[in-house]
Protein backbone atom coordinates (compact mmCIF):
# COMPACT_ATOMS: atom_id res chain seq x y z
CA MET A 1 -0.04 -0.03 -0.10
CA GLU A 2 1.37 3.45 -1.10
CA GLU A 3 2.13 5.69 1.88
CA SER A 4 0.77 9.01 2.05
CA PRO A 5 2.94 12.31 2.11
CA PHE A 6 2.02 12.84 5.94
CA ILE A 7 3.17 9.30 6.78
CA ARG A 8 6.26 9.86 4.75
CA PHE A 9 6.95 12.82 6.63
CA ILE A 10 6.44 11.10 10.11
CA ASN A 11 8.86 8.26 9.04
CA LEU A 12 11.43 10.80 7.92
CA LEU A 13 11.19 12.48 11.45
CA LYS A 14 11.41 8.97 12.91
CA VAL A 15 14.99 8.47 11.75
CA ASP A 16 15.95 11.68 13.89
CA ARG A 17 13.66 10.74 16.80
CA LYS A 18 16.17 12.17 19.32
CA ASP A 19 16.55 15.43 17.78
CA VAL A 20 12.89 15.64 17.35
CA THR A 21 12.07 14.84 21.06
CA GLN A 22 14.63 17.19 22.31
CA ILE A 23 12.98 20.19 20.23
CA ILE A 24 9.41 19.20 21.79
CA PHE A 25 10.91 18.94 25.16
CA TYR A 26 12.48 22.47 25.01
CA ALA A 27 9.21 23.89 23.45
CA ILE A 28 7.35 22.53 26.28
CA PHE A 29 9.59 24.40 28.99
CA ALA A 30 9.63 27.74 26.54
CA GLY A 31 5.71 27.32 26.44
CA ILE A 32 5.59 27.01 30.41
CA ILE A 33 7.99 29.85 30.77
CA SER A 34 6.06 32.23 28.30
CA LEU A 35 2.77 31.42 29.96
CA SER A 36 4.09 31.80 33.44
CA LEU A 37 5.00 35.49 32.64
CA PRO A 38 1.27 36.63 32.85
CA LEU A 39 0.89 35.16 36.10
CA GLY A 40 4.10 37.25 37.31
CA ILE A 41 2.67 40.49 35.69
CA GLN A 42 -0.71 39.69 37.25
CA ALA A 43 0.91 39.67 40.60
CA ILE A 44 3.06 42.66 39.90
CA ILE A 45 -0.18 44.69 39.03
CA ASN A 46 -2.06 43.50 42.12
CA LEU A 47 0.93 45.03 44.30
CA ILE A 48 1.15 48.11 42.53
CA GLN A 49 -2.90 48.52 42.88
CA SER A 50 -2.35 48.03 46.64
CA GLY A 51 0.02 50.75 46.81
CA ARG A 52 2.95 48.74 48.30
CA VAL A 53 6.58 48.71 46.85
CA SER A 54 8.36 46.03 48.61
CA ALA A 55 11.13 43.38 48.06
CA SER A 56 8.08 41.18 46.62
CA TRP A 57 7.53 43.49 43.98
CA VAL A 58 11.34 43.68 43.02
CA LEU A 59 11.66 40.02 43.23
CA LEU A 60 8.41 39.50 40.83
CA VAL A 61 10.09 42.01 38.34
CA LEU A 62 13.47 40.06 38.64
CA ILE A 63 11.43 36.70 38.09
CA VAL A 64 9.72 38.00 35.15
CA VAL A 65 13.03 39.23 33.42
CA ILE A 66 14.72 35.96 34.07
CA GLY A 67 11.81 34.29 32.44
CA VAL A 68 12.34 36.24 29.38
CA ALA A 69 15.94 35.52 29.32
CA LEU A 70 15.49 31.85 29.82
CA GLY A 71 12.96 31.60 27.10
CA GLY A 72 15.45 33.14 24.89
CA ILE A 73 18.22 30.58 25.91
CA LEU A 74 16.02 27.74 25.24
CA SER A 75 15.07 29.14 21.69
CA ILE A 76 18.87 29.06 21.04
CA MET A 77 18.98 25.39 22.24
CA GLN A 78 16.31 24.74 19.73
CA LEU A 79 18.02 26.62 16.80
CA ARG A 80 21.24 24.45 17.44
CA ILE A 81 19.16 21.23 17.54
CA THR A 82 17.20 22.35 14.38
CA GLU A 83 20.55 23.26 12.60
CA ASN A 84 21.91 19.79 13.32
CA LEU A 85 18.56 18.10 12.16
CA GLN A 86 19.02 20.23 8.80
CA GLN A 87 22.47 19.01 8.26
CA LYS A 88 21.65 15.37 8.70
CA ILE A 89 18.66 15.51 6.35
CA PHE A 90 20.81 17.23 3.86
CA VAL A 91 23.79 14.45 4.19
CA ARG A 92 21.35 11.68 4.24
CA SER A 93 19.49 12.86 1.24
CA SER A 94 22.60 13.23 -0.79
CA PHE A 95 24.03 9.90 -0.06
CA ASP A 96 20.41 8.19 -0.71
CA PHE A 97 20.51 9.92 -4.09
CA SER A 98 24.25 8.93 -4.85
CA TYR A 99 23.50 5.31 -3.67
CA ARG A 100 20.10 4.95 -5.74
CA LEU A 101 20.70 6.65 -8.94
CA PRO A 102 23.27 4.25 -10.22
CA LYS A 103 21.45 1.17 -8.96
CA ILE A 104 17.94 2.01 -10.11
CA LYS A 105 16.78 -0.76 -12.70
CA PHE A 106 16.75 0.05 -16.13
CA GLU A 107 12.98 -0.96 -16.28
CA GLU A 108 12.12 1.84 -13.93
CA LEU A 109 14.22 4.44 -15.73
CA TYR A 110 12.67 3.51 -19.16
CA ASN A 111 11.11 6.52 -20.51
CA LYS A 112 12.45 8.60 -17.93
CA TYR A 113 15.38 11.14 -18.06
CA THR A 114 17.61 10.52 -15.25
CA PRO A 115 19.06 13.99 -14.74
CA GLU A 116 15.58 15.46 -14.44
CA LEU A 117 14.96 12.83 -11.68
CA ALA A 118 18.15 14.24 -9.92
CA ASN A 119 16.47 17.57 -9.75
CA ARG A 120 14.30 16.21 -7.10
CA PHE A 121 17.32 16.58 -4.67
CA PHE A 122 16.39 20.20 -4.68
CA ASP A 123 13.66 19.38 -2.44
CA THR A 124 15.76 18.44 0.28
CA MET A 125 16.53 22.18 0.85
CA VAL A 126 12.87 22.67 1.19
CA ILE A 127 12.28 19.92 3.98
CA GLN A 128 15.38 21.18 5.59
CA LYS A 129 13.85 24.52 6.34
CA GLY A 130 10.36 23.47 6.57
CA ALA A 131 10.85 20.70 8.97
CA SER A 132 12.84 23.02 11.17
CA LYS A 133 10.21 25.53 11.00
CA LEU A 134 7.42 23.24 11.58
CA LEU A 135 9.18 21.82 14.61
CA LEU A 136 9.83 24.82 16.14
CA ASP A 137 6.94 26.91 15.58
CA PHE A 138 4.09 24.29 15.21
CA SER A 139 5.36 22.39 18.57
CA SER A 140 5.81 25.70 20.48
CA SER A 141 2.41 27.14 19.13
CA LEU A 142 0.38 24.16 19.74
CA LEU A 143 1.90 23.92 23.28
CA GLN A 144 1.27 27.38 23.75
CA ILE A 145 -2.43 26.94 22.87
CA ILE A 146 -2.91 23.89 25.08
CA PHE A 147 -1.23 25.50 27.99
CA GLY A 148 -3.10 28.84 27.49
CA ILE A 149 -6.55 27.22 27.43
CA ILE A 150 -5.67 25.35 30.72
CA LEU A 151 -4.40 28.41 32.41
CA LEU A 152 -7.57 30.55 31.24
CA ALA A 153 -9.88 27.65 32.48
CA LEU A 154 -8.45 28.55 35.96
CA TYR A 155 -9.64 32.14 35.88
CA HIS A 156 -13.20 31.36 34.78
CA PRO A 157 -15.27 28.48 33.38
CA PHE A 158 -16.11 30.70 30.29
CA PHE A 159 -12.85 30.35 28.95
CA ILE A 160 -13.38 26.57 28.72
CA LEU A 161 -15.75 27.28 25.95
CA PHE A 162 -13.45 29.67 24.38
CA GLY A 163 -10.68 26.52 24.43
CA VAL A 164 -13.18 24.27 22.89
CA PHE A 165 -14.34 26.40 20.14
CA LEU A 166 -10.63 27.29 19.39
CA LEU A 167 -9.75 23.46 19.06
CA VAL A 168 -13.02 22.96 16.89
CA LEU A 169 -11.79 25.99 14.72
CA LEU A 170 -8.59 24.48 13.94
CA TYR A 171 -9.63 21.01 13.15
CA VAL A 172 -12.44 22.43 10.70
CA ILE A 173 -9.84 24.68 8.93
CA PHE A 174 -7.40 21.98 8.58
CA LYS A 175 -9.98 19.25 7.75
CA PHE A 176 -11.48 20.99 4.97
CA SER A 177 -8.38 22.67 3.27
CA TYR A 178 -5.91 19.95 3.77
CA ASN A 179 -6.73 17.74 0.63
CA SER A 180 -7.13 20.79 -1.63
CA GLY A 181 -3.98 22.41 -0.29
CA LEU A 182 -1.93 19.53 -0.64
CA SER A 183 -3.39 18.45 -4.23
CA THR A 184 -2.65 22.17 -5.51
CA SER A 185 0.87 22.18 -4.10
CA LEU A 186 1.68 18.81 -5.67
CA ASN A 187 0.48 19.89 -9.13
CA GLU A 188 2.30 23.16 -8.63
CA SER A 189 5.44 21.31 -7.82
CA LYS A 190 4.62 18.83 -10.89
CA TYR A 191 4.77 21.90 -13.38
CA LYS A 192 7.59 23.48 -11.70
CA TYR A 193 9.88 20.58 -12.42
CA LYS A 194 8.28 20.36 -16.09
CA VAL A 195 9.50 24.00 -16.47
CA VAL A 196 13.00 23.24 -15.30
CA ALA A 197 13.15 20.13 -17.35
CA TRP A 198 12.14 22.01 -20.34
CA LEU A 199 14.98 24.74 -19.48
CA GLN A 200 17.61 21.87 -19.17
CA GLU A 201 16.67 20.71 -22.53
CA ILE A 202 17.10 24.35 -24.03
CA ALA A 203 20.47 24.42 -22.38
CA ARG A 204 21.47 21.12 -23.55
CA ASN A 205 20.60 22.00 -27.11
CA SER A 206 21.10 25.53 -27.12
CA SER A 207 22.63 25.67 -30.77
CA SER A 208 19.48 24.13 -32.07
CA PHE A 209 17.44 27.01 -30.59
CA LYS A 210 19.53 29.85 -31.82
CA ARG A 211 17.28 29.76 -35.29
CA PRO A 212 14.35 32.53 -34.75
CA GLU A 213 11.74 29.78 -35.29
CA ASN A 214 13.06 27.43 -33.05
CA PHE A 215 13.71 30.10 -30.44
CA ASP A 216 10.22 31.16 -30.79
CA PHE A 217 9.05 27.53 -30.19
CA ALA A 218 11.12 27.27 -26.91
CA LEU A 219 9.46 30.17 -25.57
CA SER A 220 6.11 29.04 -26.76
CA ARG A 221 6.58 25.69 -24.94
CA ASN A 222 7.86 27.58 -21.84
CA ASN A 223 4.89 29.85 -21.79
CA ASP A 224 2.62 26.87 -22.03
CA LEU A 225 3.97 25.24 -18.98
CA VAL A 226 4.47 28.44 -16.88
CA GLU A 227 0.66 29.02 -17.47
CA GLN A 228 0.02 25.62 -16.05
CA TYR A 229 2.25 26.45 -13.13
CA ILE A 230 0.78 29.81 -12.37
CA GLY A 231 -2.82 28.15 -12.65
CA TYR A 232 -2.07 25.49 -10.05
CA ARG A 233 -0.25 28.17 -7.79
CA GLU A 234 -3.09 30.42 -8.13
CA LYS A 235 -5.45 27.75 -6.97
CA HIS A 236 -2.80 26.87 -4.03
CA PHE A 237 -2.76 30.50 -3.16
CA ASN A 238 -6.54 30.60 -2.99
CA VAL A 239 -6.50 27.76 -0.49
CA ILE A 240 -4.04 29.66 1.72
CA LYS A 241 -6.05 32.96 1.38
CA ARG A 242 -9.13 31.23 2.37
CA GLN A 243 -7.33 29.88 5.54
CA PHE A 244 -5.81 33.44 6.25
CA MET A 245 -9.41 34.96 5.84
CA GLN A 246 -10.82 32.55 8.40
CA LEU A 247 -7.98 33.53 10.70
CA ILE A 248 -8.91 37.11 10.31
CA GLY A 249 -12.51 36.60 11.12
CA PHE A 250 -11.61 34.43 14.08
CA LYS A 251 -9.23 37.03 15.41
CA ILE A 252 -11.94 39.77 15.07
CA LEU A 253 -14.54 37.70 16.87
CA ILE A 254 -12.52 36.60 19.60
CA THR A 255 -10.90 39.79 20.43
CA ALA A 256 -14.08 41.62 20.64
CA SER A 257 -15.93 38.86 22.43
CA LEU A 258 -13.05 38.37 24.98
CA LEU A 259 -12.80 42.07 25.91
CA PHE A 260 -16.51 42.44 26.35
CA ILE A 261 -16.69 39.43 28.53
CA GLY A 262 -13.33 40.20 30.18
CA GLY A 263 -14.70 43.82 31.28
CA TYR A 264 -18.12 42.27 32.25
CA LEU A 265 -16.34 39.80 34.70
CA VAL A 266 -14.14 42.39 36.04
CA LEU A 267 -17.16 44.89 36.70
CA ASN A 268 -19.14 42.06 38.37
CA GLN A 269 -16.05 41.42 40.39
CA GLN A 270 -15.66 37.92 39.07
CA MET A 271 -12.04 38.77 38.12
CA ASN A 272 -9.63 41.56 39.29
CA ILE A 273 -7.85 44.02 37.11
CA GLY A 274 -4.56 41.73 37.49
CA GLN A 275 -6.41 38.75 36.52
CA PHE A 276 -8.02 40.42 33.40
CA VAL A 277 -4.68 41.80 32.28
CA ALA A 278 -3.16 38.36 32.64
CA ALA A 279 -5.97 36.78 30.57
CA GLU A 280 -5.90 39.22 27.95
CA ILE A 281 -2.06 38.63 27.60
CA ILE A 282 -2.65 35.10 27.39
CA ILE A 283 -5.51 35.36 24.98
CA ILE A 284 -3.15 37.37 22.72
CA LEU A 285 -0.32 34.62 23.04
CA VAL A 286 -2.89 31.86 22.14
CA ILE A 287 -4.20 34.15 19.25
CA ASN A 288 -0.66 34.59 18.06
CA SER A 289 0.13 31.05 18.21
CA VAL A 290 -3.12 30.11 16.35
CA GLU A 291 -2.02 32.56 13.63
CA LYS A 292 1.45 30.80 13.46
CA VAL A 293 -0.22 27.50 12.90
CA ILE A 294 -2.50 28.68 10.30
CA LEU A 295 0.12 30.56 8.28
CA GLY A 296 2.45 27.71 8.72
CA LEU A 297 0.20 25.19 6.78
CA GLU A 298 1.76 26.59 3.31
CA THR A 299 5.06 25.41 4.88
CA PHE A 300 3.25 22.29 5.89
CA TYR A 301 2.15 21.79 2.23
CA ASP A 302 5.34 22.44 0.91
CA VAL A 303 7.27 19.92 2.95
CA LEU A 304 4.57 17.33 2.25
CA THR A 305 4.95 17.89 -1.42
CA SER A 306 8.91 17.65 -1.30
CA VAL A 307 8.82 14.58 0.60
CA GLU A 308 6.64 13.19 -2.02
CA LYS A 309 8.54 14.34 -4.83
CA ILE A 310 11.77 12.92 -3.40
CA ALA A 311 9.83 9.59 -2.89
CA GLN A 312 9.30 9.39 -6.54
CA VAL A 313 12.96 8.60 -6.89
CA PHE A 314 13.25 6.64 -3.74
CA ASP A 315 10.30 4.42 -4.59
CA LEU A 316 11.88 3.24 -7.79
CA GLU A 317 13.11 -0.28 -7.46
CA ILE A 318 16.81 -0.85 -7.30
CA GLU A 319 19.03 -3.79 -8.17
CA LYS A 320 19.31 -6.47 -5.46
CA TYR A 321 22.60 -8.17 -4.86
CA ASN A 322 23.28 -11.64 -3.71
CA ALA A 323 25.74 -11.07 -0.73
CA LYS A 324 25.92 -14.88 -0.02
CA THR A 325 27.93 -15.14 -3.21
CA ALA A 326 30.26 -12.49 -2.55
CA ASP A 327 33.32 -14.94 -2.22
CA TYR A 328 32.78 -15.94 -5.77
CA CYS A 329 36.06 -15.83 -7.59
CA PHE A 330 35.98 -15.06 -11.39
CA THR A 331 39.09 -16.09 -13.21
CA LYS A 332 37.58 -16.32 -16.70
CA LEU A 333 34.28 -15.41 -17.81
CA CYS A 334 31.92 -17.59 -20.08
CA LEU A 335 28.73 -15.78 -21.08
CA GLU A 336 25.88 -17.74 -22.18
CA THR A 337 22.21 -17.19 -23.02
CA ASP A 338 19.50 -19.71 -23.26
CA ASN A 339 16.05 -18.76 -25.05
CA LEU A 340 16.63 -15.29 -23.64
CA SER A 341 13.74 -12.72 -24.56
CA LEU A 342 13.62 -9.16 -23.90
CA LYS A 343 10.53 -6.92 -23.80
CA PHE A 344 10.38 -3.09 -23.11
CA PRO A 345 7.62 -1.73 -20.68
CA ASP A 346 5.68 -0.09 -23.27
CA ASN A 347 6.38 -2.44 -26.17
CA LYS A 348 4.08 -5.51 -27.25
CA LYS A 349 6.73 -6.87 -29.17
CA ASN A 350 10.00 -8.42 -27.96
CA VAL A 351 13.21 -6.54 -28.85
CA LEU A 352 15.19 -9.86 -28.38
CA SER A 353 13.53 -13.09 -29.06
CA ARG A 354 14.61 -16.66 -27.76
CA ILE A 355 18.40 -15.72 -28.30
CA THR A 356 20.59 -18.75 -27.57
CA LEU A 357 24.23 -18.33 -27.83
CA LYS A 358 27.71 -19.13 -25.77
CA ILE A 359 30.65 -16.75 -25.80
CA ASP A 360 33.96 -18.28 -24.58
CA PRO A 361 36.57 -16.40 -22.76
CA GLU A 362 39.13 -14.24 -25.05
CA GLU A 363 36.53 -14.44 -27.95
CA ARG A 364 36.57 -11.39 -30.20
CA VAL A 365 32.67 -11.03 -31.19
CA PHE A 366 31.28 -8.64 -33.55
CA LEU A 367 27.44 -7.96 -33.58
CA ASP A 368 26.17 -7.28 -36.88
CA GLY A 369 22.63 -6.12 -37.87
CA GLU A 370 20.53 -3.09 -39.22
CA ASN A 371 19.42 -0.45 -36.84
CA GLY A 372 16.66 -1.77 -34.51
CA SER A 373 17.96 -5.38 -34.65
CA GLY A 374 18.39 -5.65 -31.10
CA LYS A 375 22.30 -5.11 -30.92
CA SER A 376 22.32 -2.60 -28.29
CA SER A 377 19.74 -4.54 -26.36
CA LEU A 378 21.76 -7.59 -26.39
CA LEU A 379 24.94 -5.79 -25.13
CA ARG A 380 22.95 -4.18 -22.11
CA VAL A 381 21.57 -7.46 -21.24
CA LEU A 382 25.28 -9.21 -21.59
CA SER A 383 26.69 -6.21 -19.53
CA GLY A 384 23.96 -6.98 -16.61
CA LEU A 385 22.49 -3.28 -17.26
CA ILE A 386 19.02 -5.04 -18.10
CA GLU A 387 17.50 -8.26 -17.20
CA PRO A 388 15.90 -10.35 -19.51
CA THR A 389 12.08 -10.68 -19.64
CA SER A 390 12.41 -14.54 -19.94
CA GLY A 391 14.84 -17.20 -20.57
CA ALA A 392 18.25 -17.42 -18.81
CA TYR A 393 21.60 -15.80 -18.65
CA PHE A 394 24.51 -17.70 -17.31
CA ILE A 395 27.94 -16.65 -16.12
CA ASN A 396 30.17 -19.69 -15.77
CA ASP A 397 27.24 -21.95 -15.81
CA ASP A 398 25.78 -20.15 -12.81
CA THR A 399 22.68 -18.09 -13.61
CA TYR A 400 23.04 -14.46 -13.60
CA LEU A 401 20.54 -13.75 -10.88
CA LYS A 402 22.84 -15.76 -8.25
CA ILE A 403 25.87 -13.94 -9.13
CA ASP A 404 27.27 -11.12 -6.92
CA LYS A 405 26.75 -8.23 -9.43
CA ASN A 406 29.13 -5.94 -7.76
CA GLN A 407 31.98 -8.53 -7.94
CA LEU A 408 30.88 -9.23 -11.47
CA ARG A 409 30.89 -5.61 -12.69
CA SER A 410 34.43 -5.19 -11.30
CA HIS A 411 35.49 -7.65 -14.04
CA ILE A 412 33.31 -6.14 -16.94
CA SER A 413 33.99 -2.69 -18.73
CA VAL A 414 31.01 -1.18 -20.95
CA VAL A 415 31.06 1.69 -23.25
CA MET A 416 27.69 2.48 -24.50
CA GLN A 417 26.64 5.06 -27.15
CA GLU A 418 25.09 7.45 -24.67
CA ASP A 419 28.35 7.38 -22.40
CA THR A 420 30.05 10.77 -21.92
CA PRO A 421 32.85 12.00 -19.73
CA PHE A 422 31.63 13.49 -16.42
CA GLU A 423 32.71 16.52 -14.60
CA GLY A 424 36.11 16.14 -12.93
CA SER A 425 39.76 15.59 -14.11
CA ILE A 426 40.95 13.61 -16.91
CA LEU A 427 42.55 11.28 -14.23
CA GLU A 428 39.16 10.93 -12.34
CA ASN A 429 37.54 10.13 -15.51
CA ILE A 430 39.99 7.46 -16.56
CA THR A 431 40.36 5.91 -13.07
CA PHE A 432 37.49 6.81 -10.81
CA MET A 433 40.37 7.45 -8.33
CA ASN A 434 40.55 3.58 -7.98
CA PRO A 435 43.47 2.87 -5.45
CA LEU A 436 44.15 -0.36 -7.26
CA VAL A 437 44.90 1.27 -10.47
CA SER A 438 48.87 2.04 -10.86
CA ASN A 439 50.30 5.03 -12.58
CA GLU A 440 51.54 2.49 -15.00
CA GLN A 441 48.35 1.15 -15.72
CA VAL A 442 47.24 4.89 -16.42
CA LYS A 443 50.12 5.43 -18.88
CA TRP A 444 49.47 2.15 -20.53
CA ALA A 445 45.72 2.99 -21.28
CA ILE A 446 46.64 6.53 -22.63
CA ASP A 447 49.27 5.33 -24.81
CA ALA A 448 46.84 2.66 -26.11
CA VAL A 449 44.20 5.13 -27.22
CA GLY A 450 46.84 7.75 -28.21
CA LEU A 451 45.86 10.29 -25.64
CA GLY A 452 49.47 11.04 -24.67
CA ASP A 453 50.12 14.21 -26.97
CA PHE A 454 46.75 15.76 -26.04
CA ILE A 455 47.31 15.25 -22.31
CA LYS A 456 51.12 16.66 -22.56
CA SER A 457 49.61 19.78 -24.48
CA MET A 458 47.35 20.51 -21.48
CA PRO A 459 49.13 22.89 -18.80
CA GLU A 460 47.54 20.78 -15.85
CA GLY A 461 48.01 17.24 -17.89
CA LEU A 462 45.98 14.64 -16.00
CA ASP A 463 44.70 17.09 -13.79
CA THR A 464 42.83 19.20 -16.34
CA LYS A 465 39.21 19.47 -15.52
CA ILE A 466 36.42 18.17 -17.87
CA VAL A 467 33.21 19.88 -18.01
CA PRO A 468 29.81 17.70 -17.87
CA GLU A 469 29.75 15.67 -21.07
CA GLY A 470 33.21 16.83 -21.93
CA LYS A 471 31.88 19.84 -23.77
CA GLN A 472 35.21 21.57 -24.28
CA LEU A 473 36.81 18.17 -25.83
CA SER A 474 36.78 17.09 -29.28
CA SER A 475 34.44 14.25 -29.74
CA SER A 476 37.46 11.92 -30.76
CA ASN A 477 39.12 12.81 -27.26
CA ALA A 478 36.07 12.35 -25.28
CA GLN A 479 35.71 8.75 -26.86
CA LYS A 480 39.45 8.06 -26.26
CA ILE A 481 38.96 8.87 -22.50
CA LEU A 482 35.87 6.51 -22.43
CA ILE A 483 37.96 3.64 -24.11
CA ALA A 484 40.98 4.31 -21.65
CA ARG A 485 38.66 4.29 -18.72
CA SER A 486 37.20 0.68 -20.08
CA ILE A 487 40.69 -0.80 -20.33
CA VAL A 488 42.62 0.73 -17.38
CA THR A 489 41.55 -2.06 -15.19
CA GLN A 490 42.30 -4.86 -17.73
CA PRO A 491 39.02 -6.24 -17.53
CA LYS A 492 37.91 -9.79 -18.44
CA VAL A 493 35.04 -8.73 -20.60
CA LEU A 494 34.69 -5.53 -22.71
CA LEU A 495 31.37 -4.67 -24.19
CA LEU A 496 31.55 -1.55 -26.85
CA GLU A 497 28.68 0.24 -28.53
CA ASP A 498 29.97 2.11 -31.44
CA PRO A 499 33.16 3.21 -29.45
CA LEU A 500 35.08 4.91 -32.25
CA ASN A 501 32.44 6.12 -34.59
CA LYS A 502 33.85 9.95 -34.09
CA MET A 503 37.42 9.10 -35.03
CA ASP A 504 39.23 9.41 -38.06
CA THR A 505 39.79 6.02 -39.80
CA LYS A 506 43.49 5.63 -39.34
CA ILE A 507 43.23 6.42 -35.62
CA ALA A 508 40.14 4.14 -35.10
CA ASN A 509 41.82 1.12 -37.03
CA GLU A 510 44.92 1.54 -34.83
CA ILE A 511 42.80 1.32 -31.59
CA ILE A 512 40.76 -1.54 -33.17
CA ASP A 513 43.98 -3.39 -33.86
CA PHE A 514 45.02 -2.89 -30.09
CA LEU A 515 41.84 -3.92 -28.67
CA VAL A 516 41.88 -7.20 -30.60
CA ASP A 517 45.33 -8.24 -30.19
CA PRO A 518 45.65 -11.55 -28.89
CA LYS A 519 47.95 -10.80 -26.11
CA HIS A 520 45.16 -8.89 -24.39
CA LYS A 521 43.12 -11.62 -22.38
CA TRP A 522 39.72 -10.26 -22.40
CA THR A 523 36.69 -11.14 -24.06
CA LEU A 524 35.67 -8.31 -26.67
CA ILE A 525 31.98 -7.95 -27.90
CA VAL A 526 31.36 -4.92 -30.14
CA SER A 527 28.63 -3.37 -32.06
CA SER A 528 29.56 -0.85 -34.71
CA LYS A 529 29.21 0.34 -38.24
CA ASN A 530 32.89 0.33 -38.74
CA GLU A 531 33.58 -2.73 -41.07
CA TYR A 532 37.14 -2.96 -39.91
CA TRP A 533 35.86 -4.54 -36.66
CA LYS A 534 34.22 -7.22 -38.83
CA GLN A 535 37.47 -7.86 -40.57
CA LYS A 536 39.44 -8.19 -37.06
CA CYS A 537 37.03 -10.04 -35.11
CA SER A 538 37.03 -13.94 -34.94
CA ARG A 539 33.29 -14.37 -34.73
CA ILE A 540 30.33 -12.53 -36.31
CA ILE A 541 26.61 -12.88 -34.59
CA GLU A 542 24.13 -11.26 -36.90
CA LEU A 543 20.77 -10.14 -35.35
CA SER A 544 17.49 -9.23 -37.43
CA ALA A 545 14.17 -7.73 -35.56
CA GLY A 546 15.45 -9.14 -32.42
CA LYS A 547 16.25 -12.59 -33.64
CA LEU A 548 19.66 -14.39 -34.12
CA ILE A 549 19.77 -15.35 -37.64
CA ALA A 550 23.51 -15.99 -38.01
CA ASP A 551 26.39 -17.03 -35.74
CA SER A 552 29.77 -17.73 -37.57
CA LYS A 553 33.53 -18.14 -36.91
CA THR A 554 35.67 -16.38 -39.14
CA GLN A 555 39.26 -16.92 -40.24
CA ASN A 556 40.43 -13.66 -39.33
CA HIS A 557 43.23 -13.10 -36.96
CA ALA A 558 44.25 -10.04 -35.14
């Protein structure tokens, strides 16, 4: 059963139960102290009315001042705890995103743009600030309302009716605005992210939008999305406005009635002046607390919305690993499929149908076929990025489902067509700062793909920073970095999809000669339009419409 945003928020706070408990504990003390001040003021007024100036009067003044100072100290302590809480929420959320994004199943990400999902992280900041405000303001305000009603009831039974009326009012306001407030907030957030996603698309394809008609389309689509956002924003504002209008009406009614009734009770000697002043101070505190609660509902909606948006990422299923086989040692890898089929979530037809093949260690395999024949899908299945819909995939005669994927992937290198360098240095892009990769291995990989001259020409060498997607690099150098990354650990299996299609023929052929050389003990499986691969590989597997139509050994030698 899917959890509601409110339950998700409660579960989020449960993780930091200790901090939340301390905040509420301090709020209780702060509430008691703030409401004890009217009692002190009442006593001071009674002493002044009696015309006596004594040590008792001075002591009461001192107590009131100390109470104000102590309330301030408690507020500072609350701020310190909420700051710790905000830091914990940020750290935990960042690591959750970092952990989950690479491990989300392919099926869950199908038809989703992963960088756009990563934008959900910005809702962490809303939760940080919102949760802190709710815990501080809501806890202290609600406790002040409860303590205030109890204290007022001691002055006169009438105030019990005031307390009941107040609690009923809060319940009615919340009951009849919660669903509409949350719904409009969620829709507002939905189109906020659609606007951001479209701005990302404009930025990612900025050169395409330079033409006047394309530029007009960018603005037109942005206008449509912004209109939807403003529409739901206006609906959400109407909910908040209605709540605030109810609050104003409540304040007018309560202030007028309590002044009249308080005055009546004093005139009939059922309350003295000190009690009247103290009661009015308490009522003002209670009304201000109610105002904080009502105005804080917007923050409440924002937090619940943010929790729900982040949950859309956290609810995506991630890959499961079989820790029991963590000691499995791969010396050589034999890849085998048996009647393997694959179907994407929104497709009725299989993209791979009943594929049965066996690839022995150190084979050089070329995947041949027209566009849409299933080559990319087969590479992704063999790499473990996608699990087959039916049939079986075996690693060394053990089903892939039982294999420890982490250990298996440490022996497999994959370069897919959509891969690009990430933001970081050239060294980081090649090694991921793997401590097991030596400087000799890095130099070997760089020389193998012909990156040496380029790196020497850069003032910072291997420490040269690359912007996202390697935008400042030539397309051939970007591909060389990816190939160097794939071979630097000397894996047991290389899976490559059009890895050299942006390089000059001479350079591409030199790298092909290196990769297929028998002295390298890896298994090579490649899909490419470059016919030179076909000449150098020892086996050709041909696909058509997702079916294996040919599988032949060649007489080619590296």
